[in-house]
């Protein structure tokens, strides 16, 4: 499952530089799929979703840091544990119970993002 940042976030920014997929962004900041990945131009995700990886996307949150679920691999393939959760001083980087993924799915996503 992907990690989410709860509304208890204090906007300290400790998590953002730790993400190997650049899936974490400051609140109210536009983002794209290509930043921190090898994705460029029009791409189709394994589940069928098609996007322009270079196109700016709307922020997920305007108030606090957020994690883009499509880019979050829980650090699988890079680290033993999610680095955002390891460094968060208020423990607001938690598993997203609405977005459950197996370890193999997370590793497959990691390979796709960094092909």
Protein backbone atom coordinates (compact mmCIF):
# COMPACT_ATOMS: atom_id res chain seq x y z
CA UNK A 1 0.00 0.00 0.00
CA UNK A 2 1.13 3.53 -0.56
CA UNK A 3 1.98 5.85 2.28
CA UNK A 4 -0.13 8.93 2.99
CA UNK A 5 0.61 12.05 5.01
CA UNK A 6 -2.12 12.86 7.49
CA UNK A 7 -3.41 16.30 8.37
CA UNK A 8 -1.26 16.18 11.52
CA UNK A 9 1.68 17.15 9.27
CA UNK A 10 3.61 20.13 10.66
CA UNK A 11 5.13 20.99 7.24
CA UNK A 12 8.70 20.52 8.46
CA UNK A 13 9.79 19.03 5.11
CA UNK A 14 11.92 16.25 6.63
CA UNK A 15 10.25 13.61 4.45
CA UNK A 16 10.56 15.24 1.02
CA UNK A 17 14.29 14.74 0.32
CA UNK A 18 14.15 11.16 1.60
CA UNK A 19 11.82 9.86 -1.12
CA UNK A 20 13.72 7.92 -3.83
CA UNK A 21 10.82 8.38 -6.28
CA UNK A 22 10.22 12.09 -5.66
CA UNK A 23 6.66 11.21 -4.69
CA UNK A 24 6.48 13.75 -1.86
CA UNK A 25 5.62 17.38 -2.52
CA UNK A 26 5.01 20.49 -0.45
CA UNK A 27 1.37 21.48 -0.12
CA UNK A 28 -0.05 23.61 -2.97
CA UNK A 29 2.84 22.67 -5.30
CA UNK A 30 2.16 21.28 -8.78
CA UNK A 31 3.91 18.00 -9.57
CA UNK A 32 4.53 15.62 -12.48
CA UNK A 33 5.27 11.95 -13.03
CA UNK A 34 8.65 12.53 -14.69
CA UNK A 35 10.34 14.24 -11.75
CA UNK A 36 12.52 11.70 -9.95
CA UNK A 37 11.68 8.89 -12.40
CA UNK A 38 12.65 7.85 -15.93
CA UNK A 39 9.10 8.40 -17.22
CA UNK A 40 8.89 10.90 -20.10
CA UNK A 41 6.09 11.89 -22.48
CA UNK A 42 2.99 9.75 -22.87
CA UNK A 43 3.13 6.62 -20.72
CA UNK A 44 0.73 3.87 -19.78
CA UNK A 45 0.88 2.51 -16.24
CA UNK A 46 0.63 -1.28 -15.80
CA UNK A 47 -2.99 -0.88 -14.64
CA UNK A 48 -3.88 0.90 -17.90
CA UNK A 49 -3.85 4.52 -16.73
CA UNK A 50 -2.43 6.80 -19.43
CA UNK A 51 -0.72 10.10 -18.60
CA UNK A 52 1.69 12.65 -20.02
CA UNK A 53 4.53 12.22 -17.53
CA UNK A 54 5.79 15.76 -18.16
CA UNK A 55 2.44 17.49 -17.65
CA UNK A 56 1.97 19.45 -14.44
CA UNK A 57 -0.62 17.92 -12.09
CA UNK A 58 -2.75 19.64 -9.46
CA UNK A 59 -1.56 19.38 -5.84
CA UNK A 60 -3.15 16.62 -3.79
CA UNK A 61 -3.21 18.97 -0.79
CA UNK A 62 -3.05 22.73 -0.47
CA UNK A 63 -2.35 22.71 3.26
CA UNK A 64 0.40 20.18 3.98
CA UNK A 65 2.93 17.88 2.31
CA UNK A 66 1.43 15.07 0.24
CA UNK A 67 2.48 11.79 -1.38
CA UNK A 68 1.52 10.89 -4.95
CA UNK A 69 0.24 7.30 -4.62
CA UNK A 70 1.15 6.41 -8.23
CA UNK A 71 4.80 7.22 -7.45
CA UNK A 72 4.99 5.75 -3.93
CA UNK A 73 6.63 2.34 -3.66
CA UNK A 74 7.08 2.45 0.12
CA UNK A 75 10.79 2.62 -0.77
CA UNK A 76 10.72 -1.03 -1.98
CA UNK A 77 13.78 -1.70 -4.11
CA UNK A 78 15.67 1.10 -2.34
CA UNK A 79 15.34 0.72 1.44
CA UNK A 80 14.07 -1.73 4.05
CA UNK A 81 11.39 0.68 5.33
CA UNK A 82 9.58 3.78 4.06
CA UNK A 83 12.04 6.60 4.64
CA UNK A 84 9.36 9.27 5.05
CA UNK A 85 7.88 7.38 8.00
CA UNK A 86 11.34 6.81 9.47
CA UNK A 87 12.19 10.53 9.58
CA UNK A 88 8.78 12.07 10.35
CA UNK A 89 8.97 13.72 13.79
CA UNK A 90 5.19 13.52 14.34
CA UNK A 91 4.52 10.07 12.82
CA UNK A 92 2.07 11.36 10.20
CA UNK A 93 3.44 9.25 7.30
CA UNK A 94 1.25 6.16 7.58
CA UNK A 95 0.00 3.28 5.43
CA UNK A 96 -2.96 4.12 3.20
CA UNK A 97 -5.54 1.47 4.04
CA UNK A 98 -7.53 2.48 0.93
CA UNK A 99 -4.60 1.73 -1.39
CA UNK A 100 -3.33 -1.74 -0.51
CA UNK A 101 -0.51 -3.13 -2.70
CA UNK A 102 1.52 -6.31 -2.32
CA UNK A 103 5.30 -6.24 -2.10
CA UNK A 104 5.48 -7.59 -5.67
CA UNK A 105 3.16 -4.83 -6.91
CA UNK A 106 5.32 -2.21 -5.19
CA UNK A 107 8.51 -3.68 -6.67
CA UNK A 108 6.87 -3.81 -10.11
CA UNK A 109 5.91 -0.15 -9.75
CA UNK A 110 9.49 0.69 -8.74
CA UNK A 111 10.84 -1.04 -11.86
CA UNK A 112 8.27 0.78 -14.04
CA UNK A 113 9.14 4.20 -12.60
CA UNK A 114 12.87 3.61 -13.09
CA UNK A 115 13.02 1.51 -16.29
